[in-house]
Amino acid sequence: MSKMNIKSRRDNELINRGLDNEKNGKPADAICCFLNAIEKEPDQADWVYRRLGELLINEERIAEAREVFIELTNKFPNRAVGLAGQAKIAHTEKSWDFCTKFWAECFKKFPSQRQPYWFIGYAEAFMHLGQFEDAIEVYESCIDLFPKTVQAYVGAARLYQSLKLYPKALEYWNVCFDKFPSKKIPLWRKHRLRIYFELGMFKKAQADVIIALKEAGQEAYAQFLLDKMKNPQLPALNFKHILIVTYGRSGSTLLQGILNAIPGVIVRGENGNIFYDFYKLYQKIATVQGEYKSAILPHQSWFGIGLFNLEDFLGNLKEAARAVLVGAEVGLNKNQCLGFKEIRYDEVGEDFDSYLDFLSELFPETAFIFNTRNLQDVVRSGWWKAKARKQVLKKLGKLEGQMSLYSEKRSNCFHITYSDVLLKGQKLKELHEFLGARFDQTTIDLLLNIPHSYVEEQR
């Protein structure tokens, strides 16, 4: 830094006050100080103009920022800060053509003044223009010249991932984790997990999640999951399938976690009520077949529908349903108890009984776990807050009534509330007895200390 710059920092009271205001989160006051300092003494150092311009950009005072950076370009023709500032303004305005133009001028006129953020801004502008090869070239140039610039590795990884070049994206994400361990954030792991799934590297994905749990201070839970994966047990249970029937914000994800702790049990999460589509498809075919059963000749408009074998079709649906639950774990033992939880049963209306009967066909020897919660607490949650309170209470009250009536007729149903789960008492023990599973208080205590809910990272 020149002597003039040092003098400007130390001797200008207005500038020092502006720096203090900026540090203390008072950008408007900082801007006033810098403006007054420049008005009082226009011959300020370039960094003063740059700081003022960046503050104006952050405060969305774009026209004023542009004037500052143009003046900076004119006052300091041998410095790149003015052009770089105009590139930042173009980026803020999403004027990507102008953005690339300014960055290109910076690189051409001031190659010795190159900074890592030039490369990042230039590459991002190319990405927005769809010039992906140019963006990659800029990121890789940045890595060559400034190998400690984490944003370049992250940018390259995300770009390759967006282009579905997963092996190359994974290579860059791995470098990010290995080279910059102190800077890693959950979003990195989210992106790498997506790549693992795209590449079918499910074991790697599981291992990555275990590491994340340990890093988050959940060593006991991580070890519990590891033990279950390494030593799968298949004790004899009372059912081959377990379905959690509920509605949004009932505490069902916590119940799902507890059931998954039972040896030999895998209860998947929500699937968007996909099996209701299976039900409607089956019902539609059964209906039209019943109406046109005699359509067996080529000249008839419903030719062939009468020859359709509903029993075989149901068998195909069973295989498809199992495939949905098994997923990539194709090697699961056939004696594994499978299931899922779903919160959209309020959408099936009057089909509730016949739909659950169909699910019993789709998933033989199934246990229905009806999970409810105090409805006043439910309607206050984020899931329902955008909807009319009375309407939600009426809809969910009707669903709970349907659950109760269905349970009265059958022995394969069990009702448990969110409070029952939190209390860890007799009702939770009875649920385990109903399923034929051992109740493990230590495991329950462990699981209740783990957050069970929807988070954006799952997307």
Protein backbone atom coordinates (compact mmCIF):
# COMPACT_ATOMS: atom_id res chain seq x y z
CA MET A 1 0.00 0.00 0.00
CA SER A 2 1.30 3.47 -0.88
CA LYS A 3 2.18 6.10 1.76
CA MET A 4 -0.79 8.10 0.54
CA ASN A 5 -3.16 5.18 1.21
CA ILE A 6 -1.74 4.65 4.69
CA LYS A 7 -2.09 8.36 5.44
CA SER A 8 -5.71 8.30 4.25
CA ARG A 9 -6.49 5.43 6.61
CA ARG A 10 -4.85 6.92 9.66
CA ASP A 11 -5.44 10.65 9.37
CA ASN A 12 -8.92 11.05 7.92
CA GLU A 13 -11.33 11.06 10.85
CA LEU A 14 -14.37 10.75 8.57
CA ILE A 15 -12.97 7.65 6.90
CA ASN A 16 -12.13 6.04 10.24
CA ARG A 17 -15.65 6.77 11.41
CA GLY A 18 -17.01 5.26 8.21
CA LEU A 19 -14.98 2.10 8.74
CA ASP A 20 -16.29 1.84 12.30
CA ASN A 21 -19.89 2.28 11.13
CA GLU A 22 -19.40 -0.38 8.48
CA LYS A 23 -17.92 -2.76 11.05
CA ASN A 24 -20.83 -2.09 13.43
CA GLY A 25 -23.48 -2.82 10.81
CA LYS A 26 -24.42 0.77 10.00
CA PRO A 27 -23.94 0.94 6.22
CA ALA A 28 -26.00 4.10 5.69
CA ASP A 29 -23.89 6.00 8.24
CA ALA A 30 -20.71 4.58 6.71
CA ILE A 31 -21.77 5.80 3.27
CA CYS A 32 -22.39 9.31 4.64
CA CYS A 33 -18.93 9.37 6.20
CA PHE A 34 -17.19 8.23 3.01
CA LEU A 35 -19.16 10.70 0.87
CA ASN A 36 -18.31 13.57 3.20
CA ALA A 37 -14.65 12.54 3.25
CA ILE A 38 -14.48 12.52 -0.55
CA GLU A 39 -16.32 15.85 -0.79
CA LYS A 40 -13.91 17.38 1.72
CA GLU A 41 -10.82 15.85 0.11
CA PRO A 42 -11.46 14.40 -3.41
CA ASP A 43 -7.89 13.16 -3.68
CA GLN A 44 -8.62 10.02 -1.64
CA ALA A 45 -7.04 6.62 -2.07
CA ASP A 46 -8.67 4.18 -4.50
CA TRP A 47 -9.75 1.85 -1.71
CA VAL A 48 -11.95 4.59 -0.22
CA TYR A 49 -13.89 4.91 -3.49
CA ARG A 50 -14.06 1.14 -3.82
CA ARG A 51 -15.39 0.70 -0.29
CA LEU A 52 -18.01 3.41 -0.90
CA GLY A 53 -19.06 1.86 -4.20
CA GLU A 54 -19.45 -1.62 -2.70
CA LEU A 55 -21.51 -0.26 0.20
CA LEU A 56 -23.79 1.49 -2.28
CA ILE A 57 -24.22 -1.75 -4.23
CA ASN A 58 -25.11 -3.60 -1.05
CA GLU A 59 -27.67 -0.92 -0.21
CA GLU A 60 -29.09 -1.19 -3.75
CA ARG A 61 -28.17 2.40 -4.57
CA ILE A 62 -26.96 1.28 -7.96
CA ALA A 63 -26.96 4.60 -9.84
CA GLU A 64 -24.78 6.21 -7.17
CA ALA A 65 -22.48 3.19 -7.13
CA ARG A 66 -22.06 3.40 -10.88
CA GLU A 67 -21.02 7.07 -10.63
CA VAL A 68 -18.46 6.19 -7.96
CA PHE A 69 -16.86 3.40 -10.00
CA ILE A 70 -16.82 5.45 -13.20
CA GLU A 71 -15.09 8.26 -11.29
CA LEU A 72 -12.72 5.68 -9.82
CA THR A 73 -11.88 4.44 -13.34
CA ASN A 74 -11.13 7.99 -14.48
CA LYS A 75 -9.10 8.96 -11.40
CA PHE A 76 -7.04 5.76 -11.37
CA PRO A 77 -6.61 4.66 -15.01
CA ASN A 78 -3.81 2.30 -14.04
CA ARG A 79 -5.92 0.45 -11.51
CA ALA A 80 -8.56 -2.19 -12.25
CA VAL A 81 -10.85 -1.43 -9.29
CA GLY A 82 -13.12 0.88 -11.30
CA LEU A 83 -13.80 -1.66 -14.03
CA ALA A 84 -14.17 -4.46 -11.48
CA GLY A 85 -16.73 -2.37 -9.64
CA GLN A 86 -18.71 -1.83 -12.84
CA ALA A 87 -18.61 -5.60 -13.42
CA LYS A 88 -20.07 -6.10 -9.94
CA ILE A 89 -22.85 -3.63 -10.74
CA ALA A 90 -23.65 -5.50 -13.95
CA HIS A 91 -23.75 -8.73 -11.90
CA THR A 92 -26.17 -7.15 -9.44
CA GLU A 93 -28.38 -5.97 -12.31
CA LYS A 94 -28.08 -9.41 -13.96
CA SER A 95 -26.75 -7.74 -17.10
CA TRP A 96 -24.61 -10.73 -17.93
CA ASP A 97 -23.36 -9.51 -21.31
CA PHE A 98 -22.09 -6.29 -19.76
CA CYS A 99 -20.70 -8.26 -16.83
CA THR A 100 -18.55 -10.46 -19.07
CA LYS A 101 -17.51 -7.39 -21.07
CA PHE A 102 -16.21 -5.58 -17.98
CA TRP A 103 -14.43 -8.67 -16.63
CA ALA A 104 -12.82 -9.33 -20.00
CA GLU A 105 -11.55 -5.74 -20.03
CA CYS A 106 -10.12 -6.20 -16.55
CA PHE A 107 -8.20 -9.31 -17.59
CA LYS A 108 -6.99 -7.70 -20.81
CA LYS A 109 -5.84 -4.35 -19.38
CA PHE A 110 -4.63 -5.39 -15.94
CA PRO A 111 -3.33 -8.98 -16.05
CA SER A 112 -0.88 -8.32 -13.22
CA GLN A 113 -3.70 -7.17 -10.91
CA ARG A 114 -5.84 -10.32 -11.26
CA GLN A 115 -7.74 -11.33 -8.14
CA PRO A 116 -9.61 -14.59 -7.40
CA TYR A 117 -12.97 -12.80 -7.25
CA TRP A 118 -12.50 -11.67 -10.86
CA PHE A 119 -12.48 -15.28 -12.00
CA ILE A 120 -15.50 -16.19 -9.87
CA GLY A 121 -17.58 -13.26 -11.14
CA TYR A 122 -16.52 -13.90 -14.74
CA ALA A 123 -17.38 -17.61 -14.54
CA GLU A 124 -20.75 -16.96 -12.93
CA ALA A 125 -21.66 -14.51 -15.69
CA PHE A 126 -20.74 -17.10 -18.33
CA MET A 127 -22.90 -19.66 -16.53
CA HIS A 128 -25.92 -17.36 -16.63
CA LEU A 129 -25.35 -16.88 -20.35
CA GLY A 130 -25.22 -20.65 -20.86
CA GLN A 131 -21.58 -20.49 -21.93
CA PHE A 132 -20.60 -23.44 -19.78
CA GLU A 133 -17.32 -24.30 -21.48
CA ASP A 134 -16.12 -20.72 -20.96
CA ALA A 135 -17.19 -20.88 -17.33
CA ILE A 136 -15.27 -24.12 -16.77
CA GLU A 137 -12.18 -22.66 -18.42
CA VAL A 138 -12.32 -19.62 -16.11
CA TYR A 139 -12.80 -21.74 -12.97
CA GLU A 140 -9.89 -23.99 -13.90
CA SER A 141 -7.67 -20.97 -14.67
CA CYS A 142 -8.47 -19.61 -11.24
CA ILE A 143 -7.54 -22.93 -9.65
CA ASP A 144 -4.22 -22.95 -11.51
CA LEU A 145 -3.33 -19.39 -10.47
CA PHE A 146 -4.98 -19.29 -7.03
CA PRO A 147 -5.17 -22.90 -5.79
CA LYS A 148 -6.46 -21.80 -2.38
CA THR A 149 -9.64 -20.24 -3.81
CA VAL A 150 -12.36 -22.53 -2.52
CA GLN A 151 -15.09 -20.76 -4.53
CA ALA A 152 -13.45 -21.90 -7.77
CA TYR A 153 -13.59 -25.58 -6.79
CA VAL A 154 -17.16 -25.24 -5.55
CA GLY A 155 -18.20 -23.38 -8.71
CA ALA A 156 -16.66 -26.01 -10.96
CA ALA A 157 -18.27 -28.81 -8.95
CA ARG A 158 -21.72 -27.24 -9.13
CA LEU A 159 -21.37 -26.49 -12.83
CA TYR A 160 -20.32 -30.04 -13.71
CA GLN A 161 -23.19 -31.32 -11.56
CA SER A 162 -25.72 -29.10 -13.33
CA LEU A 163 -24.45 -30.50 -16.63
CA LYS A 164 -24.93 -34.03 -15.23
CA LEU A 165 -21.24 -34.76 -15.58
CA TYR A 166 -21.34 -36.49 -12.22
CA PRO A 167 -17.91 -38.17 -12.08
CA LYS A 168 -16.19 -34.85 -12.78
CA ALA A 169 -18.44 -33.04 -10.28
CA LEU A 170 -17.65 -35.67 -7.65
CA GLU A 171 -13.94 -35.17 -8.28
CA TYR A 172 -14.24 -31.48 -7.48
CA TRP A 173 -16.48 -31.98 -4.44
CA ASN A 174 -13.96 -34.44 -3.04
CA VAL A 175 -11.22 -31.86 -3.49
CA CYS A 176 -13.38 -29.32 -1.62
CA PHE A 177 -13.76 -31.71 1.34
CA ASP A 178 -10.10 -32.78 1.34
CA LYS A 179 -8.47 -29.41 0.65
CA PHE A 180 -10.77 -27.12 2.65
CA PRO A 181 -12.09 -29.10 5.65
CA SER A 182 -12.48 -25.99 7.79
CA LYS A 183 -14.72 -24.31 5.19
CA LYS A 184 -17.12 -27.12 4.42
CA ILE A 185 -20.84 -26.42 4.85
CA PRO A 186 -23.89 -28.74 4.85
CA LEU A 187 -24.72 -27.70 1.29
CA TRP A 188 -21.52 -29.34 0.04
CA ARG A 189 -22.55 -32.65 1.53
CA LYS A 190 -26.05 -32.29 0.10
CA HIS A 191 -24.63 -31.88 -3.40
CA ARG A 192 -22.19 -34.77 -3.00
CA LEU A 193 -24.95 -37.03 -1.68
CA ARG A 194 -27.03 -36.26 -4.76
CA ILE A 195 -24.11 -37.33 -6.95
CA TYR A 196 -23.66 -40.55 -4.99
CA PHE A 197 -27.33 -41.36 -5.64
CA GLU A 198 -27.08 -40.44 -9.32
CA LEU A 199 -24.08 -42.76 -9.67
CA GLY A 200 -25.67 -45.54 -7.64
CA MET A 201 -23.04 -45.21 -4.89
CA PHE A 202 -25.47 -45.85 -2.05
CA LYS A 203 -22.93 -47.28 0.38
CA LYS A 204 -20.82 -44.16 -0.07
CA ALA A 205 -23.90 -42.04 0.59
CA GLN A 206 -24.65 -43.91 3.81
CA ALA A 207 -21.06 -43.58 4.96
CA ASP A 208 -21.14 -39.84 4.23
CA VAL A 209 -24.29 -39.41 6.33
CA ILE A 210 -22.70 -41.30 9.20
CA ILE A 211 -19.69 -38.98 9.07
CA ALA A 212 -22.01 -35.96 9.06
CA LEU A 213 -23.82 -37.25 12.15
CA LYS A 214 -20.54 -37.73 13.98
CA GLU A 215 -19.38 -34.25 13.04
CA ALA A 216 -22.68 -32.88 14.34
CA GLY A 217 -22.00 -34.42 17.74
CA GLN A 218 -24.42 -37.35 17.30
CA GLU A 219 -21.84 -40.09 17.72
CA ALA A 220 -24.15 -42.41 19.64
CA TYR A 221 -26.83 -42.29 16.95
CA ALA A 222 -24.22 -42.75 14.22
CA GLN A 223 -22.87 -45.81 15.98
CA PHE A 224 -26.39 -47.17 16.43
CA LEU A 225 -27.03 -46.89 12.67
CA LEU A 226 -23.66 -48.45 11.87
CA ASP A 227 -24.36 -51.40 14.13
CA LYS A 228 -27.76 -51.94 12.54
CA MET A 229 -26.30 -51.82 9.01
CA LYS A 230 -23.41 -54.14 9.83
CA ASN A 231 -25.40 -56.65 11.87
CA PRO A 232 -28.90 -56.92 10.36
CA GLN A 233 -31.21 -59.06 12.46
CA LEU A 234 -34.44 -60.66 11.33
CA PRO A 235 -36.41 -61.65 14.42
CA ALA A 236 -39.86 -63.13 13.93
CA LEU A 237 -42.42 -60.32 14.06
CA ASN A 238 -46.22 -60.45 13.99
CA PHE A 239 -46.45 -58.66 10.64
CA LYS A 240 -44.63 -58.52 7.31
CA HIS A 241 -45.54 -54.90 6.66
CA ILE A 242 -46.07 -51.78 8.80
CA LEU A 243 -47.94 -48.75 7.47
CA ILE A 244 -48.16 -45.50 9.44
CA VAL A 245 -51.46 -43.80 8.59
CA THR A 246 -51.55 -40.15 9.61
CA TYR A 247 -51.63 -36.47 8.57
CA GLY A 248 -49.10 -33.64 8.42
CA ARG A 249 -47.35 -32.51 11.63
CA SER A 250 -48.56 -35.44 13.71
CA GLY A 251 -45.07 -36.47 14.86
CA SER A 252 -45.07 -39.35 12.40
CA THR A 253 -41.41 -38.92 11.42
CA LEU A 254 -40.41 -39.53 15.02
CA LEU A 255 -42.60 -42.64 15.10
CA GLN A 256 -41.01 -43.71 11.81
CA GLY A 257 -37.56 -43.40 13.40
CA ILE A 258 -38.59 -45.47 16.41
CA LEU A 259 -40.04 -48.23 14.25
CA ASN A 260 -36.91 -48.31 12.12
CA ALA A 261 -34.91 -49.02 15.27
CA ILE A 262 -36.65 -52.37 15.60
CA PRO A 263 -34.40 -55.15 14.26
CA GLY A 264 -35.68 -56.47 10.95
CA VAL A 265 -37.87 -53.43 10.24
CA ILE A 266 -37.53 -50.83 7.46
CA VAL A 267 -40.25 -48.17 7.41
CA ARG A 268 -39.72 -45.73 4.58
CA GLY A 269 -40.83 -42.10 4.66
CA GLU A 270 -43.50 -40.39 2.58
CA ASN A 271 -43.96 -41.17 -1.10
CA GLY A 272 -46.55 -38.58 -2.12
CA ASN A 273 -49.37 -41.11 -1.60
CA ILE A 274 -48.22 -42.94 -4.70
CA PHE A 275 -50.05 -46.13 -3.76
CA TYR A 276 -53.36 -44.28 -3.95
CA ASP A 277 -52.57 -43.96 -7.68
CA PHE A 278 -52.07 -47.73 -7.73
CA TYR A 279 -55.49 -48.06 -6.10
CA LYS A 280 -57.22 -45.74 -8.59
CA LEU A 281 -55.58 -47.52 -11.51
CA TYR A 282 -56.74 -50.90 -10.22
CA GLN A 283 -60.26 -49.61 -9.53
CA LYS A 284 -60.49 -48.02 -12.99
CA ILE A 285 -59.55 -51.24 -14.77
CA ALA A 286 -61.87 -53.29 -12.58
CA THR A 287 -64.76 -50.92 -13.31
CA VAL A 288 -64.40 -50.83 -17.09
CA GLN A 289 -63.82 -54.56 -17.22
CA GLY A 290 -67.03 -55.10 -15.29
CA GLU A 291 -68.94 -52.91 -17.74
CA TYR A 292 -67.48 -54.42 -20.92
CA LYS A 293 -66.70 -57.99 -19.94
CA SER A 294 -68.10 -59.38 -23.17
CA ALA A 295 -65.84 -57.23 -25.35
CA ILE A 296 -63.75 -60.09 -26.68
CA LEU A 297 -64.01 -59.63 -30.47
CA PRO A 298 -61.83 -57.39 -32.70
CA HIS A 299 -64.75 -55.33 -34.02
CA GLN A 300 -65.84 -54.27 -30.50
CA SER A 301 -64.63 -50.87 -29.21
CA TRP A 302 -63.51 -52.24 -25.82
CA PHE A 303 -61.93 -55.33 -27.40
CA GLY A 304 -59.69 -57.17 -24.95
CA ILE A 305 -60.68 -55.50 -21.70
CA GLY A 306 -62.75 -58.55 -20.78
CA LEU A 307 -59.68 -60.76 -21.16
CA PHE A 308 -57.66 -58.70 -18.70
CA ASN A 309 -56.59 -60.76 -15.65
CA LEU A 310 -57.10 -58.61 -12.55
CA GLU A 311 -55.41 -61.14 -10.27
CA ASP A 312 -52.23 -61.12 -12.38
CA PHE A 313 -52.36 -57.33 -12.55
CA LEU A 314 -52.58 -57.12 -8.76
CA GLY A 315 -49.52 -59.36 -8.59
CA ASN A 316 -47.67 -56.94 -10.85
CA LEU A 317 -48.71 -54.04 -8.64
CA LYS A 318 -47.41 -55.92 -5.60
CA GLU A 319 -44.03 -56.33 -7.24
CA ALA A 320 -43.98 -52.64 -8.19
CA ALA A 321 -44.98 -51.61 -4.67
CA ARG A 322 -42.21 -53.69 -3.16
CA ALA A 323 -39.74 -52.16 -5.62
CA VAL A 324 -40.78 -48.69 -4.42
CA LEU A 325 -40.01 -49.63 -0.81
CA VAL A 326 -36.89 -51.67 -1.48
CA GLY A 327 -35.33 -49.09 -3.78
CA ALA A 328 -31.63 -49.69 -4.33
CA GLU A 329 -31.45 -52.26 -1.54
CA VAL A 330 -32.41 -55.06 -3.93
CA GLY A 331 -30.63 -57.62 -1.81
CA LEU A 332 -32.99 -57.25 1.14
CA ASN A 333 -34.04 -60.50 2.74
CA LYS A 334 -37.59 -61.46 1.78
CA ASN A 335 -38.37 -61.84 5.47
CA GLN A 336 -37.54 -58.17 6.10
CA CYS A 337 -40.53 -56.29 7.51
CA LEU A 338 -41.17 -53.36 5.15
CA GLY A 339 -43.44 -50.36 5.37
CA PHE A 340 -43.85 -46.63 4.97
CA LYS A 341 -45.53 -43.64 6.50
CA GLU A 342 -47.85 -41.33 4.62
CA ILE A 343 -49.50 -38.08 5.69
CA ARG A 344 -51.94 -37.60 2.80
CA TYR A 345 -54.77 -39.90 3.81
CA ASP A 346 -57.00 -36.85 4.25
CA GLU A 347 -56.96 -36.62 0.45
CA VAL A 348 -58.61 -40.01 -0.18
CA GLY A 349 -62.00 -38.98 1.21
CA GLU A 350 -64.67 -41.66 1.13
CA ASP A 351 -62.23 -44.15 -0.38
CA PHE A 352 -60.52 -44.49 3.02
CA ASP A 353 -61.80 -47.97 3.96
CA SER A 354 -61.55 -49.49 0.50
CA TYR A 355 -58.12 -47.94 -0.02
CA LEU A 356 -56.76 -49.43 3.21
CA ASP A 357 -58.27 -52.78 2.20
CA PHE A 358 -56.42 -52.46 -1.10
CA LEU A 359 -53.18 -51.66 0.77
CA SER A 360 -53.73 -54.87 2.73
CA GLU A 361 -53.79 -56.71 -0.59
CA LEU A 362 -50.76 -54.83 -1.88
CA PHE A 363 -48.82 -55.44 1.34
CA PRO A 364 -49.94 -58.78 2.85
CA GLU A 365 -49.91 -59.27 6.61
CA THR A 366 -49.81 -55.56 7.27
CA ALA A 367 -50.11 -53.62 10.51
CA PHE A 368 -51.81 -50.22 10.33
CA ILE A 369 -50.46 -47.76 12.88
CA PHE A 370 -52.85 -44.83 13.24
CA ASN A 371 -50.81 -41.88 14.47
CA THR A 372 -52.63 -38.77 15.74
CA ARG A 373 -51.89 -35.59 17.67
CA ASN A 374 -53.85 -32.88 19.46
CA LEU A 375 -55.46 -31.12 16.50
CA GLN A 376 -55.15 -27.67 18.06
CA ASP A 377 -51.38 -28.17 18.12
CA VAL A 378 -51.43 -29.53 14.59
CA VAL A 379 -53.22 -26.56 13.00
CA ARG A 380 -50.76 -24.14 14.58
CA SER A 381 -47.85 -25.76 12.76
CA GLY A 382 -46.28 -24.47 9.57
CA TRP A 383 -47.70 -27.30 7.43
CA TRP A 384 -51.30 -26.08 7.89
CA LYS A 385 -50.97 -22.37 8.72
CA ALA A 386 -51.79 -21.21 5.18
CA LYS A 387 -55.16 -22.98 5.30
CA ALA A 388 -58.39 -22.05 7.07
CA ARG A 389 -58.22 -23.29 10.66
CA LYS A 390 -61.84 -24.50 10.85
CA GLN A 391 -61.55 -26.29 7.54
CA VAL A 392 -58.40 -28.14 8.64
CA LEU A 393 -59.93 -29.11 11.99
CA LYS A 394 -63.01 -30.46 10.21
CA LYS A 395 -61.00 -32.40 7.65
CA LEU A 396 -58.59 -33.96 10.13
CA GLY A 397 -61.38 -34.64 12.64
CA LYS A 398 -63.20 -36.61 9.93
CA LEU A 399 -60.01 -38.55 9.13
CA GLU A 400 -59.50 -39.46 12.79
CA GLY A 401 -63.10 -40.69 12.84
CA GLN A 402 -62.41 -42.87 9.81
CA MET A 403 -59.33 -44.29 11.53
CA SER A 404 -61.34 -45.11 14.64
CA LEU A 405 -64.14 -46.84 12.74
CA TYR A 406 -61.69 -48.84 10.62
CA SER A 407 -59.81 -49.98 13.76
CA GLU A 408 -62.99 -51.25 15.43
CA LYS A 409 -63.49 -53.87 12.74
CA ARG A 410 -59.96 -55.22 12.56
CA SER A 411 -57.24 -56.68 14.79
CA ASN A 412 -54.28 -55.47 12.71
CA CYS A 413 -54.67 -51.80 13.73
CA PHE A 414 -53.04 -49.85 16.55
CA HIS A 415 -53.64 -46.25 17.59
CA ILE A 416 -50.91 -44.13 19.17
CA THR A 417 -50.60 -40.39 19.75
CA TYR A 418 -47.64 -38.06 19.60
CA SER A 419 -47.91 -37.60 23.36
CA ASP A 420 -47.75 -41.38 23.87
CA VAL A 421 -44.47 -41.43 21.99
CA LEU A 422 -42.96 -38.53 23.92
CA LEU A 423 -43.97 -40.06 27.25
CA LYS A 424 -42.13 -43.31 26.41
CA GLY A 425 -44.67 -45.10 28.54
CA GLN A 426 -47.05 -48.01 28.46
CA LYS A 427 -48.64 -47.19 25.11
CA LEU A 428 -45.28 -47.26 23.33
CA LYS A 429 -44.48 -50.59 25.00
CA GLU A 430 -47.86 -51.93 23.87
CA LEU A 431 -47.06 -50.90 20.30
CA HIS A 432 -43.89 -52.98 20.40
CA GLU A 433 -45.80 -55.93 21.87
CA PHE A 434 -48.45 -55.54 19.13
CA LEU A 435 -45.72 -55.80 16.50
CA GLY A 436 -43.95 -58.65 18.28
CA ALA A 437 -40.85 -56.53 18.90
CA ARG A 438 -38.70 -56.04 21.99
CA PHE A 439 -39.01 -52.65 23.70
CA ASP A 440 -35.55 -51.12 24.25
CA GLN A 441 -35.68 -48.10 26.54
CA THR A 442 -32.07 -47.11 25.84
CA THR A 443 -32.69 -46.98 22.11
CA ILE A 444 -35.90 -45.00 22.58
CA ASP A 445 -34.07 -42.45 24.73
CA LEU A 446 -31.39 -42.12 22.08
CA LEU A 447 -33.89 -41.58 19.25
CA LEU A 448 -35.89 -38.98 21.14
CA ASN A 449 -32.76 -36.83 21.28
CA ILE A 450 -32.42 -36.86 17.48
CA PRO A 451 -34.39 -34.29 15.41
CA HIS A 452 -36.95 -36.10 13.27
CA SER A 453 -38.58 -33.85 10.72
CA TYR A 454 -38.59 -32.53 7.19
CA VAL A 455 -35.61 -30.35 6.32
CA GLU A 456 -34.78 -28.67 3.00
CA GLU A 457 -31.53 -30.65 2.74
CA GLN A 458 -33.56 -33.71 1.71
CA ARG A 459 -34.41 -32.04 -1.58
